[in-house]
Amino acid sequence: MLLLWIIAAIIVIVLLAFIFIYNSLIVLQRRVNNAWAQIDVQLKRRADLIPNLIETVKGYARFERKVLNEITKARTALLKAKSPAEAAKAESSIASALKTIFAVAESYPKLRASENFKALQEEFATTENRIAYARQFYNDSVMEYNTAISIFPNRIVASLFGFKPREYFELPEESRARKAVKADFSDLA
């Protein structure tokens, strides 16, 4: 009879551990999903600012069509991105085009002095900071989740219920290198 109680207690302990591990993996998975949603909100916020920036810049300068087309394509790609990798690629293109726009704008004192342009620059700076923070939080959440599904005994529960590793939101290598922005004024009239 004592042996039966010991076996029952072991089964209950294993079952409780199993439930605890499963629930903790669900919490971590939801945290990753929430962190991605925060990045998505900030990327869309920046994408929504782009048309205003383009219109403001066009009003002061006959801007390079190539840069405007590039940023418009990147914005569209960002809004259609389904994964962190796709979003990171579009994010890299947008960041590059924005650097060029702001570099070219430096050559137009009236544009730099414009209240609209100043407000947009400030909005972009604030949004960039929010994106950086959201990216860091997301990547930290992904690391915690990926670690949790990789360690024993969590690995057993994760494989039974199909918990898969998540990808980090990493910028392409060329985006991470700090390069000087090359402003080309040859097409400006």
C-alpha atoms as a PDB file:
ATOM      1  CA  MET A   1       0.000   0.000   0.000  1.00  0.00           C
ATOM      2  CA  LEU A   2       2.861   2.385   0.842  1.00  0.00           C
ATOM      3  CA  LEU A   3       4.450   1.613  -2.530  1.00  0.00           C
ATOM      4  CA  LEU A   4       1.191   2.582  -4.243  1.00  0.00           C
ATOM      5  CA  TRP A   5       1.172   5.946  -2.438  1.00  0.00           C
ATOM      6  CA  ILE A   6       4.802   6.584  -3.388  1.00  0.00           C
ATOM      7  CA  ILE A   7       4.091   5.807  -7.045  1.00  0.00           C
ATOM      8  CA  ALA A   8       0.989   8.045  -6.979  1.00  0.00           C
ATOM      9  CA  ALA A   9       2.990  10.879  -5.366  1.00  0.00           C
ATOM     10  CA  ILE A  10       5.729  10.561  -8.005  1.00  0.00           C
ATOM     11  CA  ILE A  11       3.126  10.646 -10.797  1.00  0.00           C
ATOM     12  CA  VAL A  12       1.491  13.751  -9.277  1.00  0.00           C
ATOM     13  CA  ILE A  13       4.891  15.481  -8.887  1.00  0.00           C
ATOM     14  CA  VAL A  14       5.843  14.667 -12.503  1.00  0.00           C
ATOM     15  CA  LEU A  15       2.441  15.848 -13.726  1.00  0.00           C
ATOM     16  CA  LEU A  16       2.703  19.112 -11.756  1.00  0.00           C
ATOM     17  CA  ALA A  17       6.231  19.683 -13.092  1.00  0.00           C
ATOM     18  CA  PHE A  18       4.966  19.020 -16.615  1.00  0.00           C
ATOM     19  CA  ILE A  19       2.117  21.535 -16.164  1.00  0.00           C
ATOM     20  CA  PHE A  20       4.477  24.126 -14.657  1.00  0.00           C
ATOM     21  CA  ILE A  21       6.959  23.785 -17.530  1.00  0.00           C
ATOM     22  CA  TYR A  22       4.201  23.976 -20.158  1.00  0.00           C
ATOM     23  CA  ASN A  23       2.693  27.085 -18.589  1.00  0.00           C
ATOM     24  CA  SER A  24       6.074  28.797 -18.279  1.00  0.00           C
ATOM     25  CA  LEU A  25       6.773  28.104 -21.970  1.00  0.00           C
ATOM     26  CA  ILE A  26       3.384  29.589 -22.895  1.00  0.00           C
ATOM     27  CA  VAL A  27       4.200  32.724 -20.857  1.00  0.00           C
ATOM     28  CA  LEU A  28       7.575  33.080 -22.598  1.00  0.00           C
ATOM     29  CA  GLN A  29       5.991  32.520 -26.010  1.00  0.00           C
ATOM     30  CA  ARG A  30       3.413  35.224 -25.327  1.00  0.00           C
ATOM     31  CA  ARG A  31       6.153  37.592 -24.149  1.00  0.00           C
ATOM     32  CA  VAL A  32       7.978  37.081 -27.463  1.00  0.00           C
ATOM     33  CA  ASN A  33       4.735  37.690 -29.386  1.00  0.00           C
ATOM     34  CA  ASN A  34       4.073  40.870 -27.405  1.00  0.00           C
ATOM     35  CA  ALA A  35       7.636  42.075 -27.911  1.00  0.00           C
ATOM     36  CA  TRP A  36       7.289  41.541 -31.673  1.00  0.00           C
ATOM     37  CA  ALA A  37       4.009  43.454 -31.645  1.00  0.00           C
ATOM     38  CA  GLN A  38       5.806  46.393 -30.009  1.00  0.00           C
ATOM     39  CA  ILE A  39       8.464  46.406 -32.738  1.00  0.00           C
ATOM     40  CA  ASP A  40       5.745  46.183 -35.365  1.00  0.00           C
ATOM     41  CA  VAL A  41       3.919  49.186 -33.869  1.00  0.00           C
ATOM     42  CA  GLN A  42       7.073  51.312 -33.905  1.00  0.00           C
ATOM     43  CA  LEU A  43       8.063  50.279 -37.430  1.00  0.00           C
ATOM     44  CA  LYS A  44       4.578  51.142 -38.676  1.00  0.00           C
ATOM     45  CA  ARG A  45       4.702  54.436 -36.791  1.00  0.00           C
ATOM     46  CA  ARG A  46       7.905  55.329 -38.610  1.00  0.00           C
ATOM     47  CA  ALA A  47       6.451  54.145 -41.921  1.00  0.00           C
ATOM     48  CA  ASP A  48       3.488  56.459 -41.349  1.00  0.00           C
ATOM     49  CA  LEU A  49       5.861  59.412 -40.897  1.00  0.00           C
ATOM     50  CA  ILE A  50       7.643  58.791 -44.206  1.00  0.00           C
ATOM     51  CA  PRO A  51       4.995  60.297 -46.543  1.00  0.00           C
ATOM     52  CA  ASN A  52       4.999  63.504 -44.461  1.00  0.00           C
ATOM     53  CA  LEU A  53       8.780  63.674 -44.613  1.00  0.00           C
ATOM     54  CA  ILE A  54       8.802  63.152 -48.380  1.00  0.00           C
ATOM     55  CA  GLU A  55       6.198  65.868 -48.941  1.00  0.00           C
ATOM     56  CA  THR A  56       8.042  68.302 -46.674  1.00  0.00           C
ATOM     57  CA  VAL A  57      11.363  67.689 -48.403  1.00  0.00           C
ATOM     58  CA  LYS A  58       9.821  67.859 -51.888  1.00  0.00           C
ATOM     59  CA  GLY A  59       8.399  71.261 -51.004  1.00  0.00           C
ATOM     60  CA  TYR A  60      11.876  72.695 -50.457  1.00  0.00           C
ATOM     61  CA  ALA A  61      14.093  70.736 -52.774  1.00  0.00           C
ATOM     62  CA  ARG A  62      13.816  69.006 -56.076  1.00  0.00           C
ATOM     63  CA  PHE A  63      14.797  65.768 -54.531  1.00  0.00           C
ATOM     64  CA  GLU A  64      16.393  62.771 -56.154  1.00  0.00           C
ATOM     65  CA  ARG A  65      13.656  60.520 -57.536  1.00  0.00           C
ATOM     66  CA  LYS A  66      15.803  57.441 -56.915  1.00  0.00           C
ATOM     67  CA  VAL A  67      15.897  58.063 -53.148  1.00  0.00           C
ATOM     68  CA  LEU A  68      12.162  58.788 -52.985  1.00  0.00           C
ATOM     69  CA  ASN A  69      11.387  55.599 -54.917  1.00  0.00           C
ATOM     70  CA  GLU A  70      13.774  53.607 -52.739  1.00  0.00           C
ATOM     71  CA  ILE A  71      12.181  54.774 -49.510  1.00  0.00           C
ATOM     72  CA  THR A  72       8.670  54.202 -50.886  1.00  0.00           C
ATOM     73  CA  LYS A  73       9.559  50.619 -51.880  1.00  0.00           C
ATOM     74  CA  ALA A  74      11.183  49.977 -48.514  1.00  0.00           C
ATOM     75  CA  ARG A  75       8.126  51.343 -46.710  1.00  0.00           C
ATOM     76  CA  THR A  76       5.861  49.026 -48.712  1.00  0.00           C
ATOM     77  CA  ALA A  77       8.143  46.058 -47.969  1.00  0.00           C
ATOM     78  CA  LEU A  78       8.073  46.918 -44.269  1.00  0.00           C
ATOM     79  CA  LEU A  79       4.292  47.083 -44.176  1.00  0.00           C
ATOM     80  CA  LYS A  80       4.102  43.683 -45.933  1.00  0.00           C
ATOM     81  CA  ALA A  81       6.799  42.008 -43.779  1.00  0.00           C
ATOM     82  CA  LYS A  82       5.624  38.780 -42.176  1.00  0.00           C
ATOM     83  CA  SER A  83       8.761  37.767 -40.263  1.00  0.00           C
ATOM     84  CA  PRO A  84      11.514  39.466 -38.286  1.00  0.00           C
ATOM     85  CA  ALA A  85      13.961  38.732 -41.122  1.00  0.00           C
ATOM     86  CA  GLU A  86      11.741  40.442 -43.724  1.00  0.00           C
ATOM     87  CA  ALA A  87      11.143  43.383 -41.391  1.00  0.00           C
ATOM     88  CA  ALA A  88      14.866  43.702 -40.668  1.00  0.00           C
ATOM     89  CA  LYS A  89      15.676  43.825 -44.391  1.00  0.00           C
ATOM     90  CA  ALA A  90      13.066  46.529 -45.008  1.00  0.00           C
ATOM     91  CA  GLU A  91      14.173  48.366 -41.848  1.00  0.00           C
ATOM     92  CA  SER A  92      17.729  48.455 -43.176  1.00  0.00           C
ATOM     93  CA  SER A  93      16.597  49.945 -46.507  1.00  0.00           C
ATOM     94  CA  ILE A  94      14.454  52.571 -44.775  1.00  0.00           C
ATOM     95  CA  ALA A  95      17.252  53.569 -42.393  1.00  0.00           C
ATOM     96  CA  SER A  96      19.669  53.967 -45.291  1.00  0.00           C
ATOM     97  CA  ALA A  97      17.232  56.082 -47.326  1.00  0.00           C
ATOM     98  CA  LEU A  98      16.361  58.233 -44.304  1.00  0.00           C
ATOM     99  CA  LYS A  99      20.038  58.930 -43.646  1.00  0.00           C
ATOM    100  CA  THR A 100      20.393  60.075 -47.246  1.00  0.00           C
ATOM    101  CA  ILE A 101      17.302  62.291 -47.037  1.00  0.00           C
ATOM    102  CA  PHE A 102      18.500  63.947 -43.833  1.00  0.00           C
ATOM    103  CA  ALA A 103      22.019  64.374 -45.261  1.00  0.00           C
ATOM    104  CA  VAL A 104      20.699  66.047 -48.416  1.00  0.00           C
ATOM    105  CA  ALA A 105      18.364  68.221 -46.329  1.00  0.00           C
ATOM    106  CA  GLU A 106      21.421  69.702 -44.612  1.00  0.00           C
ATOM    107  CA  SER A 107      22.139  71.556 -47.865  1.00  0.00           C
ATOM    108  CA  TYR A 108      18.840  73.434 -47.681  1.00  0.00           C
ATOM    109  CA  PRO A 109      18.852  76.011 -44.862  1.00  0.00           C
ATOM    110  CA  LYS A 110      15.187  76.897 -45.378  1.00  0.00           C
ATOM    111  CA  LEU A 111      14.227  73.234 -45.130  1.00  0.00           C
ATOM    112  CA  ARG A 112      16.293  72.735 -41.964  1.00  0.00           C
ATOM    113  CA  ALA A 113      14.628  75.813 -40.447  1.00  0.00           C
ATOM    114  CA  SER A 114      11.122  74.635 -41.363  1.00  0.00           C
ATOM    115  CA  GLU A 115       8.995  73.824 -38.315  1.00  0.00           C
ATOM    116  CA  ASN A 116       7.475  70.830 -40.116  1.00  0.00           C
ATOM    117  CA  PHE A 117      10.898  69.427 -40.920  1.00  0.00           C
ATOM    118  CA  LYS A 118      12.168  70.007 -37.378  1.00  0.00           C
ATOM    119  CA  ALA A 119       9.094  68.299 -35.927  1.00  0.00           C
ATOM    120  CA  LEU A 120       9.488  65.357 -38.322  1.00  0.00           C
ATOM    121  CA  GLN A 121      13.185  65.014 -37.455  1.00  0.00           C
ATOM    122  CA  GLU A 122      12.281  64.927 -33.786  1.00  0.00           C
ATOM    123  CA  GLU A 123       9.534  62.350 -34.405  1.00  0.00           C
ATOM    124  CA  PHE A 124      11.948  60.183 -36.365  1.00  0.00           C
ATOM    125  CA  ALA A 125      14.589  60.430 -33.630  1.00  0.00           C
ATOM    126  CA  THR A 126      12.042  59.480 -30.961  1.00  0.00           C
ATOM    127  CA  THR A 127      10.753  56.619 -33.078  1.00  0.00           C
ATOM    128  CA  GLU A 128      14.274  55.337 -33.791  1.00  0.00           C
ATOM    129  CA  ASN A 129      14.942  55.238 -30.042  1.00  0.00           C
ATOM    130  CA  ARG A 130      11.694  53.355 -29.471  1.00  0.00           C
ATOM    131  CA  ILE A 131      12.558  50.887 -32.235  1.00  0.00           C
ATOM    132  CA  ALA A 132      15.991  50.276 -30.721  1.00  0.00           C
ATOM    133  CA  TYR A 133      14.475  49.642 -27.294  1.00  0.00           C
ATOM    134  CA  ALA A 134      11.720  47.397 -28.707  1.00  0.00           C
ATOM    135  CA  ARG A 135      14.289  45.433 -30.750  1.00  0.00           C
ATOM    136  CA  GLN A 136      16.443  44.905 -27.668  1.00  0.00           C
ATOM    137  CA  PHE A 137      13.431  43.779 -25.597  1.00  0.00           C
ATOM    138  CA  TYR A 138      12.294  41.438 -28.369  1.00  0.00           C
ATOM    139  CA  ASN A 139      15.733  39.878 -28.803  1.00  0.00           C
ATOM    140  CA  ASP A 140      16.068  39.452 -25.023  1.00  0.00           C
ATOM    141  CA  SER A 141      12.641  37.769 -24.941  1.00  0.00           C
ATOM    142  CA  VAL A 142      13.573  35.503 -27.848  1.00  0.00           C
ATOM    143  CA  MET A 143      16.820  34.536 -26.116  1.00  0.00           C
ATOM    144  CA  GLU A 144      14.968  33.665 -22.912  1.00  0.00           C
ATOM    145  CA  TYR A 145      12.318  31.667 -24.805  1.00  0.00           C
ATOM    146  CA  ASN A 146      14.834  29.825 -27.028  1.00  0.00           C
ATOM    147  CA  THR A 147      16.915  28.963 -23.985  1.00  0.00           C
ATOM    148  CA  ALA A 148      13.851  27.716 -22.110  1.00  0.00           C
ATOM    149  CA  ILE A 149      12.788  25.362 -24.905  1.00  0.00           C
ATOM    150  CA  SER A 150      16.341  24.058 -25.279  1.00  0.00           C
ATOM    151  CA  ILE A 151      17.112  23.025 -21.711  1.00  0.00           C
ATOM    152  CA  PHE A 152      16.183  19.776 -20.034  1.00  0.00           C
ATOM    153  CA  PRO A 153      13.444  18.913 -19.006  1.00  0.00           C
ATOM    154  CA  ASN A 154      11.707  21.800 -20.820  1.00  0.00           C
ATOM    155  CA  ARG A 155      12.980  20.400 -24.105  1.00  0.00           C
ATOM    156  CA  ILE A 156      10.764  17.335 -23.684  1.00  0.00           C
ATOM    157  CA  VAL A 157       7.632  19.411 -23.085  1.00  0.00           C
ATOM    158  CA  ALA A 158       8.560  21.821 -25.899  1.00  0.00           C
ATOM    159  CA  SER A 159       9.006  19.032 -28.426  1.00  0.00           C
ATOM    160  CA  LEU A 160       5.756  17.323 -27.351  1.00  0.00           C
ATOM    161  CA  PHE A 161       3.758  20.511 -27.920  1.00  0.00           C
ATOM    162  CA  GLY A 162       5.598  21.901 -30.935  1.00  0.00           C
ATOM    163  CA  PHE A 163       7.337  24.907 -29.391  1.00  0.00           C
ATOM    164  CA  LYS A 164       9.829  26.053 -32.035  1.00  0.00           C
ATOM    165  CA  PRO A 165      12.774  28.447 -31.683  1.00  0.00           C
ATOM    166  CA  ARG A 166      12.046  32.020 -32.727  1.00  0.00           C
ATOM    167  CA  GLU A 167      14.291  34.159 -34.898  1.00  0.00           C
ATOM    168  CA  TYR A 168      16.014  37.288 -33.651  1.00  0.00           C
ATOM    169  CA  PHE A 169      15.355  40.702 -35.160  1.00  0.00           C
ATOM    170  CA  GLU A 170      18.814  41.339 -36.521  1.00  0.00           C
ATOM    171  CA  LEU A 171      19.773  43.950 -39.017  1.00  0.00           C
ATOM    172  CA  PRO A 172      21.754  42.832 -42.059  1.00  0.00           C
ATOM    173  CA  GLU A 173      25.530  43.064 -41.646  1.00  0.00           C
ATOM    174  CA  GLU A 174      25.845  46.074 -43.975  1.00  0.00           C
ATOM    175  CA  SER A 175      23.385  48.018 -41.802  1.00  0.00           C
ATOM    176  CA  ARG A 176      25.342  47.421 -38.622  1.00  0.00           C
ATOM    177  CA  ALA A 177      28.533  48.913 -39.975  1.00  0.00           C
ATOM    178  CA  ARG A 178      28.763  52.635 -39.364  1.00  0.00           C
ATOM    179  CA  LYS A 179      29.280  54.221 -42.761  1.00  0.00           C
ATOM    180  CA  ALA A 180      29.283  57.822 -43.797  1.00  0.00           C
ATOM    181  CA  VAL A 181      26.218  58.791 -45.794  1.00  0.00           C
ATOM    182  CA  LYS A 182      27.043  59.747 -49.366  1.00  0.00           C
ATOM    183  CA  ALA A 183      24.805  62.520 -50.597  1.00  0.00           C
ATOM    184  CA  ASP A 184      24.622  62.824 -54.369  1.00  0.00           C
ATOM    185  CA  PHE A 185      23.521  66.280 -55.562  1.00  0.00           C
ATOM    186  CA  SER A 186      24.117  65.647 -59.265  1.00  0.00           C
ATOM    187  CA  ASP A 187      20.379  65.145 -60.010  1.00  0.00           C
ATOM    188  CA  LEU A 188      19.211  68.203 -58.095  1.00  0.00           C
ATOM    189  CA  ALA A 189      18.212  71.138 -60.189  1.00  0.00           C
END
